[in-house]
PDB file of N, CA and C in Angstrom:
ATOM      1  N   UNK A   1     100.781 119.808 102.043  1.00  0.00           N
ATOM      2  CA  UNK A   1     100.296 118.842 100.486  1.00  0.00           C
ATOM      3  C   UNK A   1     101.021 117.363 101.243  1.00  0.00           C
ATOM      4  N   UNK A   2     102.166 117.255 100.865  1.00  0.00           N
ATOM      5  CA  UNK A   2     102.802 116.463 101.469  1.00  0.00           C
ATOM      6  C   UNK A   2     102.631 115.374 102.172  1.00  0.00           C
ATOM      7  N   UNK A   3     102.440 115.924 103.374  1.00  0.00           N
ATOM      8  CA  UNK A   3     101.780 115.733 104.592  1.00  0.00           C
ATOM      9  C   UNK A   3     100.355 114.752 104.651  1.00  0.00           C
ATOM     10  N   UNK A   4      99.830 115.796 103.647  1.00  0.00           N
ATOM     11  CA  UNK A   4      98.085 114.875 103.072  1.00  0.00           C
ATOM     12  C   UNK A   4      98.122 114.031 102.710  1.00  0.00           C
ATOM     13  N   UNK A   5      99.357 113.901 101.626  1.00  0.00           N
ATOM     14  CA  UNK A   5      99.344 112.948 100.755  1.00  0.00           C
ATOM     15  C   UNK A   5     100.455 111.304 101.336  1.00  0.00           C
ATOM     16  N   UNK A   6     100.742 111.640 102.175  1.00  0.00           N
ATOM     17  CA  UNK A   6     101.443 110.866 103.264  1.00  0.00           C
ATOM     18  C   UNK A   6     100.112 109.874 104.602  1.00  0.00           C
ATOM     19  N   UNK A   7      99.276 110.155 104.722  1.00  0.00           N
ATOM     20  CA  UNK A   7      98.237 110.348 105.334  1.00  0.00           C
ATOM     21  C   UNK A   7      97.460 109.128 104.161  1.00  0.00           C
ATOM     22  N   UNK A   8      97.353 109.409 103.140  1.00  0.00           N
ATOM     23  CA  UNK A   8      96.349 108.927 102.594  1.00  0.00           C
ATOM     24  C   UNK A   8      97.104 107.760 102.045  1.00  0.00           C
ATOM     25  N   UNK A   9      98.584 107.402 101.552  1.00  0.00           N
ATOM     26  CA  UNK A   9     100.147 106.810 101.627  1.00  0.00           C
ATOM     27  C   UNK A   9      99.590 105.173 102.863  1.00  0.00           C
ATOM     28  N   UNK A  10      99.882 106.502 103.787  1.00  0.00           N
ATOM     29  CA  UNK A  10      99.395 105.303 105.214  1.00  0.00           C
ATOM     30  C   UNK A  10      97.816 104.438 105.229  1.00  0.00           C
ATOM     31  N   UNK A  11      97.429 104.695 104.914  1.00  0.00           N
ATOM     32  CA  UNK A  11      96.090 104.488 104.680  1.00  0.00           C
ATOM     33  C   UNK A  11      95.442 102.741 103.698  1.00  0.00           C
ATOM     34  N   UNK A  12      96.440 103.675 102.453  1.00  0.00           N
ATOM     35  CA  UNK A  12      96.724 102.327 101.538  1.00  0.00           C
ATOM     36  C   UNK A  12      97.803 101.545 102.062  1.00  0.00           C
ATOM     37  N   UNK A  13      98.874 100.902 103.246  1.00  0.00           N
ATOM     38  CA  UNK A  13      99.961 100.654 103.355  1.00  0.00           C
ATOM     39  C   UNK A  13     100.836 100.527 102.601  1.00  0.00           C
ATOM     40  N   UNK A  14     100.955 101.613 102.451  1.00  0.00           N
ATOM     41  CA  UNK A  14     102.027 102.033 100.786  1.00  0.00           C
ATOM     42  C   UNK A  14     103.074 103.220 102.357  1.00  0.00           C
ATOM     43  N   UNK A  15     103.461 102.418 103.172  1.00  0.00           N
ATOM     44  CA  UNK A  15     104.500 103.059 104.356  1.00  0.00           C
ATOM     45  C   UNK A  15     105.921 103.513 104.161  1.00  0.00           C
ATOM     46  N   UNK A  16     106.200 103.011 103.591  1.00  0.00           N
ATOM     47  CA  UNK A  16     107.933 103.626 102.266  1.00  0.00           C
ATOM     48  C   UNK A  16     107.366 104.714 101.764  1.00  0.00           C
ATOM     49  N   UNK A  17     106.344 105.130 101.518  1.00  0.00           N
ATOM     50  CA  UNK A  17     106.244 106.175 100.983  1.00  0.00           C
ATOM     51  C   UNK A  17     105.418 107.298 101.700  1.00  0.00           C
ATOM     52  N   UNK A  18     104.492 107.069 102.080  1.00  0.00           N
ATOM     53  CA  UNK A  18     104.113 107.802 102.769  1.00  0.00           C
ATOM     54  C   UNK A  18     105.182 108.060 104.153  1.00  0.00           C
ATOM     55  N   UNK A  19     106.147 107.487 104.864  1.00  0.00           N
ATOM     56  CA  UNK A  19     106.632 108.138 105.529  1.00  0.00           C
ATOM     57  C   UNK A  19     108.666 109.425 104.556  1.00  0.00           C
ATOM     58  N   UNK A  20     108.490 109.562 103.679  1.00  0.00           N
ATOM     59  CA  UNK A  20     108.993 109.361 102.424  1.00  0.00           C
ATOM     60  C   UNK A  20     108.085 111.290 102.286  1.00  0.00           C
ATOM     61  N   UNK A  21     107.243 111.233 102.348  1.00  0.00           N
ATOM     62  CA  UNK A  21     106.106 112.162 102.231  1.00  0.00           C
ATOM     63  C   UNK A  21     106.359 113.214 103.779  1.00  0.00           C
ATOM     64  N   UNK A  22     106.013 112.655 104.753  1.00  0.00           N
ATOM     65  CA  UNK A  22     106.393 112.984 105.794  1.00  0.00           C
ATOM     66  C   UNK A  22     107.508 114.132 106.483  1.00  0.00           C
ATOM     67  N   UNK A  23     108.321 113.187 105.670  1.00  0.00           N
ATOM     68  CA  UNK A  23     110.019 113.911 105.728  1.00  0.00           C
ATOM     69  C   UNK A  23     110.211 114.898 104.592  1.00  0.00           C
ATOM     70  N   UNK A  24     109.324 114.742 103.171  1.00  0.00           N
ATOM     71  CA  UNK A  24     109.622 115.918 102.897  1.00  0.00           C
ATOM     72  C   UNK A  24     108.446 117.258 103.009  1.00  0.00           C
ATOM     73  N   UNK A  25     107.618 116.998 104.114  1.00  0.00           N
ATOM     74  CA  UNK A  25     107.174 118.242 104.512  1.00  0.00           C
ATOM     75  C   UNK A  25     107.444 118.936 105.103  1.00  0.00           C
ATOM     76  N   UNK A  26     108.599 118.343 106.153  1.00  0.00           N
ATOM     77  CA  UNK A  26     108.940 118.614 107.155  1.00  0.00           C
ATOM     78  C   UNK A  26     110.364 119.288 106.601  1.00  0.00           C
ATOM     79  N   UNK A  27     110.804 118.790 105.483  1.00  0.00           N
ATOM     80  CA  UNK A  27     112.019 119.306 105.014  1.00  0.00           C
ATOM     81  C   UNK A  27     111.224 120.835 104.823  1.00  0.00           C
ATOM     82  N   UNK A  28     110.347 120.870 104.134  1.00  0.00           N
ATOM     83  CA  UNK A  28     110.107 122.028 103.129  1.00  0.00           C
ATOM     84  C   UNK A  28     109.615 122.736 104.290  1.00  0.00           C
ATOM     85  N   UNK A  29     108.771 122.247 105.545  1.00  0.00           N
ATOM     86  CA  UNK A  29     108.735 123.202 106.915  1.00  0.00           C
ATOM     87  C   UNK A  29     108.439 122.110 107.978  1.00  0.00           C
ATOM     88  N   UNK A  30     109.762 123.082 108.098  1.00  0.00           N
ATOM     89  CA  UNK A  30     109.773 122.374 110.086  1.00  0.00           C
ATOM     90  C   UNK A  30     109.188 122.049 110.786  1.00  0.00           C
ATOM     91  N   UNK A  31     107.966 122.775 110.520  1.00  0.00           N
ATOM     92  CA  UNK A  31     106.544 123.365 111.692  1.00  0.00           C
ATOM     93  C   UNK A  31     105.408 122.128 111.455  1.00  0.00           C
ATOM     94  N   UNK A  32     105.553 121.443 110.178  1.00  0.00           N
ATOM     95  CA  UNK A  32     104.504 121.171 109.932  1.00  0.00           C
ATOM     96  C   UNK A  32     104.093 120.009 111.598  1.00  0.00           C
ATOM     97  N   UNK A  33     103.660 120.154 112.272  1.00  0.00           N
ATOM     98  CA  UNK A  33     103.525 119.521 113.253  1.00  0.00           C
ATOM     99  C   UNK A  33     102.731 118.189 112.747  1.00  0.00           C
ATOM    100  N   UNK A  34     101.968 118.102 111.938  1.00  0.00           N
ATOM    101  CA  UNK A  34     100.764 116.855 111.621  1.00  0.00           C
ATOM    102  C   UNK A  34     102.060 115.784 110.960  1.00  0.00           C
ATOM    103  N   UNK A  35     103.429 116.357 109.976  1.00  0.00           N
ATOM    104  CA  UNK A  35     104.019 115.221 109.658  1.00  0.00           C
ATOM    105  C   UNK A  35     105.235 114.701 110.755  1.00  0.00           C
ATOM    106  N   UNK A  36     105.108 115.172 111.407  1.00  0.00           N
ATOM    107  CA  UNK A  36     105.864 114.974 113.292  1.00  0.00           C
ATOM    108  C   UNK A  36     105.591 114.263 113.720  1.00  0.00           C
ATOM    109  N   UNK A  37     103.773 113.897 113.644  1.00  0.00           N
ATOM    110  CA  UNK A  37     103.367 113.411 114.573  1.00  0.00           C
ATOM    111  C   UNK A  37     102.902 112.383 113.670  1.00  0.00           C
ATOM    112  N   UNK A  38     102.787 112.159 112.550  1.00  0.00           N
ATOM    113  CA  UNK A  38     102.528 110.821 111.666  1.00  0.00           C
ATOM    114  C   UNK A  38     104.120 109.940 111.602  1.00  0.00           C
ATOM    115  N   UNK A  39     105.312 111.212 111.360  1.00  0.00           N
ATOM    116  CA  UNK A  39     106.383 110.271 111.614  1.00  0.00           C
ATOM    117  C   UNK A  39     106.862 109.374 112.481  1.00  0.00           C
ATOM    118  N   UNK A  40     106.250 110.443 113.870  1.00  0.00           N
ATOM    119  CA  UNK A  40     106.706 109.529 115.231  1.00  0.00           C
ATOM    120  C   UNK A  40     106.180 108.327 115.490  1.00  0.00           C
ATOM    121  N   UNK A  41     104.093 108.239 115.028  1.00  0.00           N
ATOM    122  CA  UNK A  41     103.602 106.883 114.998  1.00  0.00           C
ATOM    123  C   UNK A  41     103.726 106.266 114.328  1.00  0.00           C
ATOM    124  N   UNK A  42     104.621 106.058 112.790  1.00  0.00           N
ATOM    125  CA  UNK A  42     105.613 105.229 112.214  1.00  0.00           C
ATOM    126  C   UNK A  42     106.610 104.497 112.339  1.00  0.00           C
ATOM    127  N   UNK A  43     107.558 105.672 113.783  1.00  0.00           N
ATOM    128  CA  UNK A  43     108.718 105.164 113.895  1.00  0.00           C
ATOM    129  C   UNK A  43     108.497 103.909 115.210  1.00  0.00           C
ATOM    130  N   UNK A  44     107.258 104.341 115.760  1.00  0.00           N
ATOM    131  CA  UNK A  44     106.724 103.865 117.157  1.00  0.00           C
ATOM    132  C   UNK A  44     106.385 102.509 116.359  1.00  0.00           C
ATOM    133  N   UNK A  45     105.713 102.407 115.975  1.00  0.00           N
ATOM    134  CA  UNK A  45     105.419 101.138 115.497  1.00  0.00           C
ATOM    135  C   UNK A  45     106.647  99.909 114.651  1.00  0.00           C
ATOM    136  N   UNK A  46     107.147 101.029 113.692  1.00  0.00           N
ATOM    137  CA  UNK A  46     107.974  99.917 112.499  1.00  0.00           C
ATOM    138  C   UNK A  46     109.534 100.073 113.531  1.00  0.00           C
ATOM    139  N   UNK A  47     109.297 100.104 115.552  1.00  0.00           N
ATOM    140  CA  UNK A  47     110.532  99.474 116.184  1.00  0.00           C
ATOM    141  C   UNK A  47     111.549 100.633 116.610  1.00  0.00           C
ATOM    142  N   UNK A  48     111.460 101.502 115.873  1.00  0.00           N
ATOM    143  CA  UNK A  48     112.307 102.303 116.233  1.00  0.00           C
ATOM    144  C   UNK A  48     111.869 103.664 117.278  1.00  0.00           C
ATOM    145  N   UNK A  49     112.995 103.704 118.531  1.00  0.00           N
ATOM    146  CA  UNK A  49     111.722 104.425 119.337  1.00  0.00           C
ATOM    147  C   UNK A  49     112.577 105.651 119.711  1.00  0.00           C
ATOM    148  N   UNK A  50     113.545 105.926 119.603  1.00  0.00           N
ATOM    149  CA  UNK A  50     114.282 106.962 119.965  1.00  0.00           C
ATOM    150  C   UNK A  50     114.326 107.946 118.667  1.00  0.00           C
ATOM    151  N   UNK A  51     113.622 107.775 117.498  1.00  0.00           N
ATOM    152  CA  UNK A  51     113.222 107.959 116.178  1.00  0.00           C
ATOM    153  C   UNK A  51     112.324 109.000 117.051  1.00  0.00           C
ATOM    154  N   UNK A  52     111.167 107.487 117.381  1.00  0.00           N
ATOM    155  CA  UNK A  52     109.650 108.085 117.503  1.00  0.00           C
ATOM    156  C   UNK A  52     110.098 109.483 118.763  1.00  0.00           C
ATOM    157  N   UNK A  53     110.512 109.026 119.352  1.00  0.00           N
ATOM    158  CA  UNK A  53     110.524 109.501 120.691  1.00  0.00           C
ATOM    159  C   UNK A  53     110.919 111.548 120.268  1.00  0.00           C
ATOM    160  N   UNK A  54     112.123 111.458 119.112  1.00  0.00           N
ATOM    161  CA  UNK A  54     112.480 112.580 118.674  1.00  0.00           C
ATOM    162  C   UNK A  54     111.713 113.321 118.124  1.00  0.00           C
ATOM    163  N   UNK A  55     110.930 112.819 117.231  1.00  0.00           N
ATOM    164  CA  UNK A  55     109.435 112.581 116.629  1.00  0.00           C
ATOM    165  C   UNK A  55     108.592 113.428 117.481  1.00  0.00           C
ATOM    166  N   UNK A  56     108.183 113.029 118.366  1.00  0.00           N
ATOM    167  CA  UNK A  56     106.881 113.069 119.595  1.00  0.00           C
ATOM    168  C   UNK A  56     107.800 115.152 119.649  1.00  0.00           C
ATOM    169  N   UNK A  57     109.073 114.750 120.018  1.00  0.00           N
ATOM    170  CA  UNK A  57     109.719 116.084 121.487  1.00  0.00           C
ATOM    171  C   UNK A  57     109.166 116.832 119.943  1.00  0.00           C
ATOM    172  N   UNK A  58     109.538 117.239 119.012  1.00  0.00           N
ATOM    173  CA  UNK A  58     109.319 117.993 117.576  1.00  0.00           C
ATOM    174  C   UNK A  58     108.342 118.311 117.944  1.00  0.00           C
ATOM    175  N   UNK A  59     107.165 117.502 117.673  1.00  0.00           N
ATOM    176  CA  UNK A  59     106.107 117.631 117.582  1.00  0.00           C
ATOM    177  C   UNK A  59     105.374 118.838 119.146  1.00  0.00           C
ATOM    178  N   UNK A  60     106.459 118.489 120.120  1.00  0.00           N
ATOM    179  CA  UNK A  60     105.630 119.321 121.748  1.00  0.00           C
ATOM    180  C   UNK A  60     106.463 120.670 121.517  1.00  0.00           C
ATOM    181  N   UNK A  61     107.724 120.576 121.196  1.00  0.00           N
ATOM    182  CA  UNK A  61     108.789 121.905 121.060  1.00  0.00           C
ATOM    183  C   UNK A  61     107.417 123.199 120.001  1.00  0.00           C
ATOM    184  N   UNK A  62     107.117 121.769 118.865  1.00  0.00           N
ATOM    185  CA  UNK A  62     106.369 123.747 118.028  1.00  0.00           C
ATOM    186  C   UNK A  62     105.191 123.600 118.400  1.00  0.00           C
ATOM    187  N   UNK A  63     103.890 122.722 119.485  1.00  0.00           N
ATOM    188  CA  UNK A  63     103.133 123.384 120.321  1.00  0.00           C
ATOM    189  C   UNK A  63     102.722 122.236 121.455  1.00  0.00           C
ATOM    190  N   UNK A  64     103.593 123.059 122.537  1.00  0.00           N
ATOM    191  CA  UNK A  64     103.029 121.809 124.110  1.00  0.00           C
ATOM    192  C   UNK A  64     101.667 121.724 124.194  1.00  0.00           C
ATOM    193  N   UNK A  65     100.852 121.857 123.675  1.00  0.00           N
ATOM    194  CA  UNK A  65      99.567 122.099 124.296  1.00  0.00           C
ATOM    195  C   UNK A  65      98.682 120.849 123.307  1.00  0.00           C
ATOM    196  N   UNK A  66      99.640 120.403 122.311  1.00  0.00           N
ATOM    197  CA  UNK A  66      98.842 119.557 121.552  1.00  0.00           C
ATOM    198  C   UNK A  66      98.894 118.523 122.284  1.00  0.00           C
ATOM    199  N   UNK A  67      97.322 117.785 122.784  1.00  0.00           N
ATOM    200  CA  UNK A  67      97.374 117.131 123.381  1.00  0.00           C
ATOM    201  C   UNK A  67      98.013 115.106 122.766  1.00  0.00           C
ATOM    202  N   UNK A  68      97.918 115.129 121.079  1.00  0.00           N
ATOM    203  CA  UNK A  68      98.024 113.784 120.615  1.00  0.00           C
ATOM    204  C   UNK A  68      99.118 113.209 121.414  1.00  0.00           C
ATOM    205  N   UNK A  69      99.970 114.933 120.985  1.00  0.00           N
ATOM    206  CA  UNK A  69     101.518 114.742 120.849  1.00  0.00           C
ATOM    207  C   UNK A  69     102.020 114.003 122.233  1.00  0.00           C
ATOM    208  N   UNK A  70     100.959 114.881 123.835  1.00  0.00           N
ATOM    209  CA  UNK A  70     101.114 114.762 124.751  1.00  0.00           C
ATOM    210  C   UNK A  70     101.153 113.351 125.000  1.00  0.00           C
ATOM    211  N   UNK A  71     100.006 112.859 124.687  1.00  0.00           N
ATOM    212  CA  UNK A  71      99.719 111.499 125.525  1.00  0.00           C
ATOM    213  C   UNK A  71     100.269 110.251 124.186  1.00  0.00           C
ATOM    214  N   UNK A  72     101.505 110.251 123.197  1.00  0.00           N
ATOM    215  CA  UNK A  72     102.045 109.470 122.529  1.00  0.00           C
ATOM    216  C   UNK A  72     103.384 109.459 122.830  1.00  0.00           C
ATOM    217  N   UNK A  73     103.615 110.373 123.174  1.00  0.00           N
ATOM    218  CA  UNK A  73     105.136 110.545 123.874  1.00  0.00           C
ATOM    219  C   UNK A  73     104.826 109.191 125.045  1.00  0.00           C
ATOM    220  N   UNK A  74     103.959 110.226 125.884  1.00  0.00           N
ATOM    221  CA  UNK A  74     103.654 109.586 127.512  1.00  0.00           C
ATOM    222  C   UNK A  74     103.625 108.132 127.026  1.00  0.00           C
ATOM    223  N   UNK A  75     102.943 107.439 125.705  1.00  0.00           N
ATOM    224  CA  UNK A  75     102.553 106.419 125.841  1.00  0.00           C
ATOM    225  C   UNK A  75     103.659 105.196 125.454  1.00  0.00           C
ATOM    226  N   UNK A  76     104.796 106.333 124.268  1.00  0.00           N
ATOM    227  CA  UNK A  76     105.564 105.926 124.642  1.00  0.00           C
ATOM    228  C   UNK A  76     106.638 105.349 125.566  1.00  0.00           C
ATOM    229  N   UNK A  77     107.204 106.573 126.034  1.00  0.00           N
ATOM    230  CA  UNK A  77     108.223 106.500 127.363  1.00  0.00           C
ATOM    231  C   UNK A  77     107.189 104.840 127.739  1.00  0.00           C
ATOM    232  N   UNK A  78     106.059 104.801 128.654  1.00  0.00           N
ATOM    233  CA  UNK A  78     105.545 103.807 129.253  1.00  0.00           C
ATOM    234  C   UNK A  78     105.720 102.876 128.854  1.00  0.00           C
ATOM    235  N   UNK A  79     105.529 102.703 127.317  1.00  0.00           N
ATOM    236  CA  UNK A  79     106.168 101.204 126.581  1.00  0.00           C
ATOM    237  C   UNK A  79     107.452 100.859 126.482  1.00  0.00           C
ATOM    238  N   UNK A  80     108.331 101.839 126.475  1.00  0.00           N
ATOM    239  CA  UNK A  80     109.599 102.047 126.803  1.00  0.00           C
ATOM    240  C   UNK A  80     110.996 101.480 127.776  1.00  0.00           C
ATOM    241  N   UNK A  81     110.016 101.813 129.046  1.00  0.00           N
ATOM    242  CA  UNK A  81     110.742 101.969 130.217  1.00  0.00           C
ATOM    243  C   UNK A  81     111.111 103.162 130.476  1.00  0.00           C
TER     244      UNK A  81
END
């Protein structure tokens, strides 16, 4: 529920509130891969590359076959050298 609310808030440019929802979602359920993915995206575009990488890696730890996480981490690593 918190992750879904985060998506709605992100889509209305309420980014700080969205991030808080994603953080709450992973605090409740560390395996909430959607929240980790969205945290990774938000951190990446906020210039917080180390945080983004950690979130992508957590998403991949949960589901190593999740292609969006594989691609997201790959793009981040290419962009940051």
